[in-house]
Amino acid sequence: MADAIQAYDWSSTALGPLEHWPSSLKIAVGMMLSSKFPKCIVWGPDLITIQNDAFLPILGEKPPALGRPFSEVWHEAWDEIGSIAERAFAGEATFVEDFPLVINRHGYPEKAHFTFCYSPIRDETGVVRGMIDTVIETTGTVEARRQASLLNGELEHRIKNTLAVVAAIISQTLRGGETDPAARSILLERIQALAQAQSLLTRASATEASVVDIVLEATAPFRTSEGRFHIGGPPIMLSSKQSLSLSLALHELATNAVKYGALSNAAGKVRIEWVAGRPDTEDAFVFRWIEEDGPEVRSPAHTGFGSRIIQTVTPHEFGGEAVLSHDPLGIGFELRTSMRQIGGSLSSDLPAHSAAEH
């Protein structure tokens, strides 16, 4: 493109001969040509186009864009991008991600996506004379995300159907007169909790899920009034096994709290909190469930399946230890392990969920 710009007859455009170009344009063109990122300069009232080599794949098989008005080059999409260009010429830079456009660059209309920035270019006096379009096509990435979302939606649907069949089989099997109806209800609730946790993983299109999402999903059926749950902690990512086991443990704790603990009266509250250290180190990761202001707690005469999930299965998946306490003031659960055992790490893309009331 440097050779093409040198050879072009610029006297046929409003820019005039190359040697008469203002220094601000020459500097901008030089910087653009030195960049490996797709860039295009749009200059003057006629929106004259000057692009670098990396911009050529964006144009595809369109007629040569060099020296032509930008509005003509992208006439099929000008209704969408024209106002953005106007803002750049007014002095406002604009950054847009995965912007959908219907364009014609191969002889037929196609839907494409672009992440781009239109930035104003000023002359020596500070007056905006043009703009630079820095762009990358994201059509492949957007389509891959769409396909992944469709596949995960289908996967979630199939998993739910499978678990529904399992629940139906269990319900039919346990329908005998000697079967305890409460046991049947508990079993079906546990299957439902497992289905909800699996849905969280498939919706996230990943093999990990955040502690925040797991806690909110698992406690959602039990947050029947404001202020009963106090949830806080950093956005840690857990593996799929850790996500499922923690979800089941929270379901057991919440179910027990509704029947016998802090959620069985009007005043009780539950604090769910976790602290974390540096990723992939021996720093501690500690997760706590603490019940307050509930009825006086008594130690159970025997431990059931729920207690085994809480005290055995969950700590095993985390490679750590767990303690379930029956203090008279309230039931407590503490899971402790090292950050090296955690399936994910702190993610800056996830908002911290600190000191939130539910």
Protein backbone atom coordinates (compact mmCIF):
# COMPACT_ATOMS: atom_id res chain seq x y z
CA MET A 1 0.00 0.00 0.00
CA ALA A 2 2.95 2.37 0.50
CA ASP A 3 3.84 1.88 -3.17
CA ALA A 4 0.18 2.26 -4.19
CA ILE A 5 -0.13 5.52 -2.26
CA GLN A 6 3.04 6.87 -3.89
CA ALA A 7 1.81 5.94 -7.38
CA TYR A 8 -1.78 7.19 -6.99
CA ASP A 9 -2.83 10.35 -8.86
CA TRP A 10 -3.92 12.37 -5.83
CA SER A 11 -4.36 15.49 -7.93
CA SER A 12 -7.64 13.96 -9.07
CA THR A 13 -8.95 14.16 -5.49
CA ALA A 14 -9.59 16.98 -3.05
CA LEU A 15 -6.32 16.08 -1.28
CA GLY A 16 -4.21 17.33 -4.19
CA PRO A 17 -0.66 16.19 -4.99
CA LEU A 18 1.13 14.12 -2.36
CA GLU A 19 3.83 16.75 -1.80
CA HIS A 20 1.18 19.31 -0.83
CA TRP A 21 -0.38 17.20 1.88
CA PRO A 22 -0.42 18.73 5.37
CA SER A 23 2.13 17.33 7.78
CA SER A 24 -0.60 15.97 10.06
CA LEU A 25 -1.85 13.74 7.22
CA LYS A 26 1.64 12.64 6.22
CA ILE A 27 2.46 11.71 9.82
CA ALA A 28 -0.83 9.81 10.22
CA VAL A 29 -0.29 7.89 6.97
CA GLY A 30 3.27 7.02 7.99
CA MET A 31 2.09 5.66 11.34
CA MET A 32 -0.70 3.70 9.65
CA LEU A 33 1.65 2.10 7.11
CA SER A 34 4.02 1.08 9.91
CA SER A 35 1.23 -0.78 11.73
CA LYS A 36 0.45 -4.47 11.25
CA PHE A 37 -3.07 -3.85 12.60
CA PRO A 38 -5.83 -3.15 10.03
CA LYS A 39 -6.14 0.63 9.74
CA CYS A 40 -7.77 3.07 7.35
CA ILE A 41 -7.51 6.86 7.26
CA VAL A 42 -10.57 8.87 6.21
CA TRP A 43 -9.63 12.46 5.36
CA GLY A 44 -11.44 15.69 4.66
CA PRO A 45 -15.03 16.58 3.80
CA ASP A 46 -14.97 14.09 0.90
CA LEU A 47 -13.99 11.26 3.29
CA ILE A 48 -11.07 10.18 1.10
CA THR A 49 -9.91 6.64 1.96
CA ILE A 50 -6.27 5.64 2.54
CA GLN A 51 -5.66 2.14 3.97
CA ASN A 52 -2.73 -0.09 4.92
CA ASP A 53 -1.99 -3.63 3.80
CA ALA A 54 -3.60 -5.22 6.87
CA PHE A 55 -6.90 -3.53 5.95
CA LEU A 56 -7.14 -5.25 2.55
CA PRO A 57 -8.71 -8.51 3.84
CA ILE A 58 -11.45 -6.41 5.45
CA LEU A 59 -12.30 -5.05 1.99
CA GLY A 60 -12.31 -8.47 0.34
CA GLU A 61 -13.13 -8.23 -3.38
CA LYS A 62 -14.54 -4.72 -3.25
CA PRO A 63 -13.36 -2.28 -5.94
CA PRO A 64 -10.11 -0.52 -4.95
CA ALA A 65 -10.85 1.75 -2.00
CA LEU A 66 -7.78 3.99 -2.24
CA GLY A 67 -8.72 7.58 -2.99
CA ARG A 68 -12.47 6.93 -2.94
CA PRO A 69 -14.96 8.33 -0.40
CA PHE A 70 -15.28 6.05 2.62
CA SER A 71 -19.06 6.44 2.39
CA GLU A 72 -18.91 5.03 -1.14
CA VAL A 73 -16.62 2.15 -0.22
CA TRP A 74 -19.04 1.06 2.50
CA HIS A 75 -22.25 2.39 0.93
CA GLU A 76 -24.22 -0.75 1.88
CA ALA A 77 -23.46 -0.20 5.58
CA TRP A 78 -23.33 3.60 5.67
CA ASP A 79 -26.68 3.91 7.41
CA GLU A 80 -25.15 2.06 10.39
CA ILE A 81 -21.61 3.48 10.46
CA GLY A 82 -22.14 6.96 8.99
CA SER A 83 -23.25 8.47 12.30
CA ILE A 84 -20.22 6.94 14.05
CA ALA A 85 -17.93 8.58 11.48
CA GLU A 86 -19.69 11.90 12.01
CA ARG A 87 -18.97 11.69 15.74
CA ALA A 88 -15.27 11.10 15.01
CA PHE A 89 -15.17 14.19 12.77
CA ALA A 90 -16.86 16.06 15.60
CA GLY A 91 -13.93 15.11 17.84
CA GLU A 92 -15.38 12.08 19.64
CA ALA A 93 -13.53 8.76 19.54
CA THR A 94 -15.77 5.69 19.47
CA PHE A 95 -14.96 2.07 20.36
CA VAL A 96 -17.45 -0.63 19.34
CA GLU A 97 -17.15 -4.37 19.95
CA ASP A 98 -18.57 -7.13 17.73
CA PHE A 99 -20.63 -4.65 15.73
CA PRO A 100 -22.93 -6.48 13.25
CA LEU A 101 -22.99 -5.23 9.67
CA VAL A 102 -24.39 -6.57 6.41
CA ILE A 103 -21.68 -5.93 3.81
CA ASN A 104 -20.97 -6.87 0.21
CA ARG A 105 -17.33 -7.67 -0.43
CA HIS A 106 -17.56 -10.94 -2.38
CA GLY A 107 -20.44 -10.18 -4.74
CA TYR A 108 -23.20 -11.03 -2.27
CA PRO A 109 -24.51 -9.61 1.04
CA GLU A 110 -23.13 -11.23 4.17
CA LYS A 111 -23.46 -10.57 7.88
CA ALA A 112 -20.12 -9.82 9.49
CA HIS A 113 -18.98 -8.53 12.87
CA PHE A 114 -16.23 -6.01 13.59
CA THR A 115 -14.55 -4.52 16.64
CA PHE A 116 -13.33 -1.06 15.71
CA CYS A 117 -12.43 2.42 16.86
CA TYR A 118 -13.01 5.62 14.90
CA SER A 119 -10.52 8.18 16.25
CA PRO A 120 -10.32 11.85 15.18
CA ILE A 121 -7.11 13.14 13.59
CA ARG A 122 -6.29 16.78 14.34
CA ASP A 123 -3.97 19.16 12.54
CA GLU A 124 -1.35 21.40 14.12
CA THR A 125 -4.02 23.84 15.30
CA GLY A 126 -6.18 21.16 16.93
CA VAL A 127 -8.86 21.14 14.24
CA VAL A 128 -10.22 17.72 13.28
CA ARG A 129 -9.33 17.02 9.65
CA GLY A 130 -9.99 13.30 9.45
CA MET A 131 -10.30 10.07 11.36
CA ILE A 132 -8.52 6.73 11.56
CA ASP A 133 -10.46 3.47 11.54
CA THR A 134 -8.66 0.78 13.54
CA VAL A 135 -10.54 -2.46 13.04
CA ILE A 136 -10.46 -6.21 13.37
CA GLU A 137 -13.04 -8.63 12.05
CA THR A 138 -14.62 -10.82 14.73
CA THR A 139 -17.13 -12.73 12.61
CA GLY A 140 -15.48 -16.08 13.33
CA THR A 141 -15.36 -15.45 17.07
CA VAL A 142 -18.98 -14.30 17.25
CA GLU A 143 -20.16 -17.29 15.20
CA ALA A 144 -18.14 -19.69 17.36
CA ARG A 145 -19.76 -18.23 20.49
CA ARG A 146 -23.19 -18.54 18.90
CA GLN A 147 -22.59 -22.17 17.97
CA ALA A 148 -21.24 -22.92 21.45
CA SER A 149 -24.31 -21.32 22.99
CA LEU A 150 -26.62 -23.42 20.81
CA LEU A 151 -24.70 -26.60 21.63
CA ASN A 152 -24.70 -25.84 25.33
CA GLY A 153 -28.40 -25.08 25.22
CA GLU A 154 -29.03 -28.45 23.60
CA LEU A 155 -26.71 -30.12 26.11
CA GLU A 156 -28.53 -28.47 29.02
CA HIS A 157 -31.87 -29.59 27.59
CA ARG A 158 -30.68 -33.19 27.22
CA ILE A 159 -29.17 -33.30 30.70
CA LYS A 160 -32.40 -32.00 32.21
CA ASN A 161 -34.40 -34.57 30.25
CA THR A 162 -32.10 -37.35 31.42
CA LEU A 163 -32.35 -36.29 35.04
CA ALA A 164 -36.12 -35.95 34.68
CA VAL A 165 -36.26 -39.56 33.47
CA VAL A 166 -34.06 -40.64 36.39
CA ALA A 167 -36.34 -38.77 38.80
CA ALA A 168 -39.41 -40.41 37.26
CA ILE A 169 -37.88 -43.88 37.53
CA ILE A 170 -36.95 -43.29 41.17
CA SER A 171 -40.40 -41.92 41.93
CA GLN A 172 -42.05 -44.98 40.37
CA THR A 173 -39.65 -47.34 42.14
CA LEU A 174 -40.26 -45.77 45.55
CA ARG A 175 -44.03 -45.59 45.18
CA GLY A 176 -44.57 -48.62 47.45
CA GLY A 177 -46.60 -48.16 50.60
CA GLU A 178 -43.63 -48.92 52.83
CA THR A 179 -41.53 -46.12 51.31
CA ASP A 180 -41.21 -42.95 53.35
CA PRO A 181 -42.71 -40.04 51.29
CA ALA A 182 -40.20 -37.66 52.89
CA ALA A 183 -37.31 -39.79 51.64
CA ARG A 184 -38.74 -39.68 48.12
CA SER A 185 -39.07 -35.90 48.32
CA ILE A 186 -35.50 -35.47 49.57
CA LEU A 187 -34.12 -37.67 46.79
CA LEU A 188 -35.98 -35.77 44.08
CA GLU A 189 -34.82 -32.44 45.53
CA ARG A 190 -31.21 -33.63 45.39
CA ILE A 191 -31.58 -34.59 41.76
CA GLN A 192 -33.06 -31.17 41.04
CA ALA A 193 -30.13 -29.47 42.81
CA LEU A 194 -27.74 -31.50 40.66
CA ALA A 195 -29.64 -30.44 37.52
CA GLN A 196 -29.44 -26.76 38.51
CA ALA A 197 -25.70 -26.98 39.11
CA GLN A 198 -25.17 -28.70 35.75
CA SER A 199 -27.26 -26.05 34.03
CA LEU A 200 -24.99 -23.37 35.50
CA LEU A 201 -21.98 -25.02 33.89
CA THR A 202 -23.57 -25.43 30.48
CA ARG A 203 -24.91 -21.87 30.46
CA ALA A 204 -21.40 -20.61 31.18
CA SER A 205 -20.09 -22.53 28.11
CA ALA A 206 -17.20 -23.67 30.25
CA THR A 207 -15.87 -26.39 32.51
CA GLU A 208 -15.69 -23.93 35.38
CA ALA A 209 -18.16 -21.78 37.29
CA SER A 210 -17.74 -18.91 39.73
CA VAL A 211 -18.41 -19.33 43.44
CA VAL A 212 -20.73 -16.31 43.26
CA ASP A 213 -22.95 -17.95 40.66
CA ILE A 214 -22.94 -21.30 42.46
CA VAL A 215 -23.99 -19.74 45.77
CA LEU A 216 -26.71 -17.60 44.20
CA GLU A 217 -28.05 -20.51 42.14
CA ALA A 218 -28.05 -22.99 45.03
CA THR A 219 -29.70 -20.62 47.52
CA ALA A 220 -32.22 -19.06 45.13
CA PRO A 221 -35.15 -21.31 46.19
CA PHE A 222 -34.50 -20.46 49.85
CA ARG A 223 -34.15 -16.68 49.53
CA THR A 224 -37.85 -16.04 50.12
CA SER A 225 -37.44 -12.70 51.89
CA GLU A 226 -34.96 -9.84 52.01
CA GLY A 227 -32.03 -9.90 54.39
CA ARG A 228 -32.01 -13.62 55.21
CA PHE A 229 -28.73 -14.26 53.36
CA HIS A 230 -25.52 -12.25 53.57
CA ILE A 231 -23.17 -13.34 50.75
CA GLY A 232 -19.65 -12.06 50.17
CA GLY A 233 -16.38 -13.12 48.59
CA PRO A 234 -14.03 -12.71 45.61
CA PRO A 235 -14.84 -14.08 42.13
CA ILE A 236 -13.12 -17.47 42.30
CA MET A 237 -13.60 -20.02 39.51
CA LEU A 238 -14.14 -23.68 40.48
CA SER A 239 -13.83 -26.84 38.42
CA SER A 240 -16.96 -28.67 37.32
CA LYS A 241 -16.57 -31.32 40.06
CA GLN A 242 -16.03 -28.68 42.72
CA SER A 243 -19.00 -26.70 41.40
CA LEU A 244 -21.33 -29.71 41.55
CA SER A 245 -20.23 -30.87 45.01
CA LEU A 246 -20.42 -27.36 46.51
CA SER A 247 -23.87 -26.87 44.98
CA LEU A 248 -25.10 -30.11 46.54
CA ALA A 249 -23.54 -29.21 49.89
CA LEU A 250 -25.25 -25.81 49.87
CA HIS A 251 -28.56 -27.46 49.01
CA GLU A 252 -28.21 -29.78 52.01
CA LEU A 253 -27.24 -26.93 54.34
CA ALA A 254 -30.11 -24.73 53.15
CA THR A 255 -32.66 -27.55 53.38
CA ASN A 256 -31.55 -28.32 56.92
CA ALA A 257 -31.68 -24.60 57.82
CA VAL A 258 -35.29 -24.40 56.62
CA LYS A 259 -36.31 -27.45 58.66
CA TYR A 260 -34.31 -27.04 61.85
CA GLY A 261 -31.94 -24.05 61.63
CA ALA A 262 -31.78 -20.32 61.05
CA LEU A 263 -34.33 -20.32 58.22
CA SER A 264 -36.97 -22.10 60.30
CA ASN A 265 -37.97 -18.91 62.14
CA ALA A 266 -38.53 -15.29 61.17
CA ALA A 267 -35.36 -13.84 62.67
CA GLY A 268 -32.66 -16.25 61.55
CA LYS A 269 -29.97 -15.32 59.04
CA VAL A 270 -27.28 -17.13 57.08
CA ARG A 271 -23.86 -15.71 56.27
CA ILE A 272 -22.04 -17.29 53.33
CA GLU A 273 -18.53 -15.98 52.90
CA TRP A 274 -15.24 -17.06 51.39
CA VAL A 275 -11.69 -15.76 51.34
CA ALA A 276 -8.89 -16.55 48.93
CA GLY A 277 -5.17 -16.05 48.52
CA ARG A 278 -2.91 -15.88 45.49
CA PRO A 279 -3.81 -18.27 42.64
CA ASP A 280 -1.85 -21.53 42.33
CA THR A 281 -0.12 -21.15 45.69
CA GLU A 282 -0.40 -22.71 49.12
CA ASP A 283 -2.38 -19.67 50.30
CA ALA A 284 -5.63 -20.64 51.98
CA PHE A 285 -9.07 -20.81 50.41
CA VAL A 286 -11.75 -20.86 53.10
CA PHE A 287 -15.51 -21.15 52.53
CA ARG A 288 -17.93 -20.69 55.43
CA TRP A 289 -21.66 -21.17 56.07
CA ILE A 290 -22.70 -19.54 59.36
CA GLU A 291 -26.23 -19.52 60.79
CA GLU A 292 -27.32 -16.85 63.26
CA ASP A 293 -30.41 -15.99 65.33
CA GLY A 294 -32.08 -19.32 64.70
CA PRO A 295 -33.46 -21.77 67.29
CA GLU A 296 -31.08 -23.52 69.64
CA VAL A 297 -29.17 -26.21 67.76
CA ARG A 298 -28.79 -29.76 68.98
CA SER A 299 -26.32 -32.29 67.64
CA PRO A 300 -28.05 -34.96 65.53
CA ALA A 301 -28.31 -38.50 66.86
CA HIS A 302 -26.99 -39.88 63.59
CA THR A 303 -25.50 -38.60 60.34
CA GLY A 304 -27.30 -39.08 57.05
CA PHE A 305 -26.45 -38.87 53.38
CA GLY A 306 -26.55 -35.05 53.42
CA SER A 307 -23.93 -34.91 56.16
CA ARG A 308 -21.70 -37.25 54.19
CA ILE A 309 -21.92 -34.96 51.16
CA ILE A 310 -20.98 -31.97 53.31
CA GLN A 311 -18.23 -33.58 55.36
CA THR A 312 -16.74 -36.14 52.95
CA VAL A 313 -17.58 -35.62 49.28
CA THR A 314 -17.15 -31.85 49.11
CA PRO A 315 -13.76 -31.66 50.90
CA HIS A 316 -12.54 -34.57 48.77
CA GLU A 317 -13.29 -32.66 45.54
CA PHE A 318 -11.50 -29.62 46.94
CA GLY A 319 -8.51 -31.58 48.23
CA GLY A 320 -9.03 -30.11 51.67
CA GLU A 321 -10.87 -30.49 54.95
CA ALA A 322 -14.38 -29.62 56.12
CA VAL A 323 -15.92 -29.17 59.55
CA LEU A 324 -19.67 -29.20 60.23
CA SER A 325 -20.38 -27.80 63.70
CA HIS A 326 -23.63 -27.83 65.70
CA ASP A 327 -23.01 -24.93 68.04
CA PRO A 328 -26.14 -24.09 70.12
CA LEU A 329 -26.06 -20.59 68.56
CA GLY A 330 -26.24 -21.95 65.01
CA ILE A 331 -24.98 -24.52 62.54
CA GLY A 332 -21.63 -23.77 60.96
CA PHE A 333 -19.73 -25.25 58.04
CA GLU A 334 -16.16 -24.48 57.06
CA LEU A 335 -14.34 -25.81 54.02
CA ARG A 336 -10.60 -25.19 53.94
CA THR A 337 -8.05 -25.96 51.23
CA SER A 338 -5.17 -24.31 49.37
CA MET A 339 -5.47 -22.13 46.29
CA ARG A 340 -3.39 -24.70 44.41
CA GLN A 341 -6.36 -27.08 44.67
CA ILE A 342 -8.89 -24.62 43.30
CA GLY A 343 -10.06 -25.37 39.77
CA GLY A 344 -9.80 -21.78 38.54
CA SER A 345 -8.31 -18.50 39.68
CA LEU A 346 -9.33 -14.94 40.37
CA SER A 347 -10.92 -13.46 37.26
CA SER A 348 -10.96 -9.73 36.63
CA ASP A 349 -13.91 -10.25 34.28
CA LEU A 350 -16.19 -11.25 37.12
CA PRO A 351 -17.47 -8.68 39.60
CA ALA A 352 -16.72 -9.27 43.26
CA HIS A 353 -19.85 -10.08 45.25
CA SER A 354 -19.09 -8.42 48.53
CA ALA A 355 -21.39 -7.67 51.44
CA ALA A 356 -24.59 -8.28 49.48
CA GLU A 357 -27.92 -8.85 51.17
CA HIS A 358 -30.39 -11.36 49.76
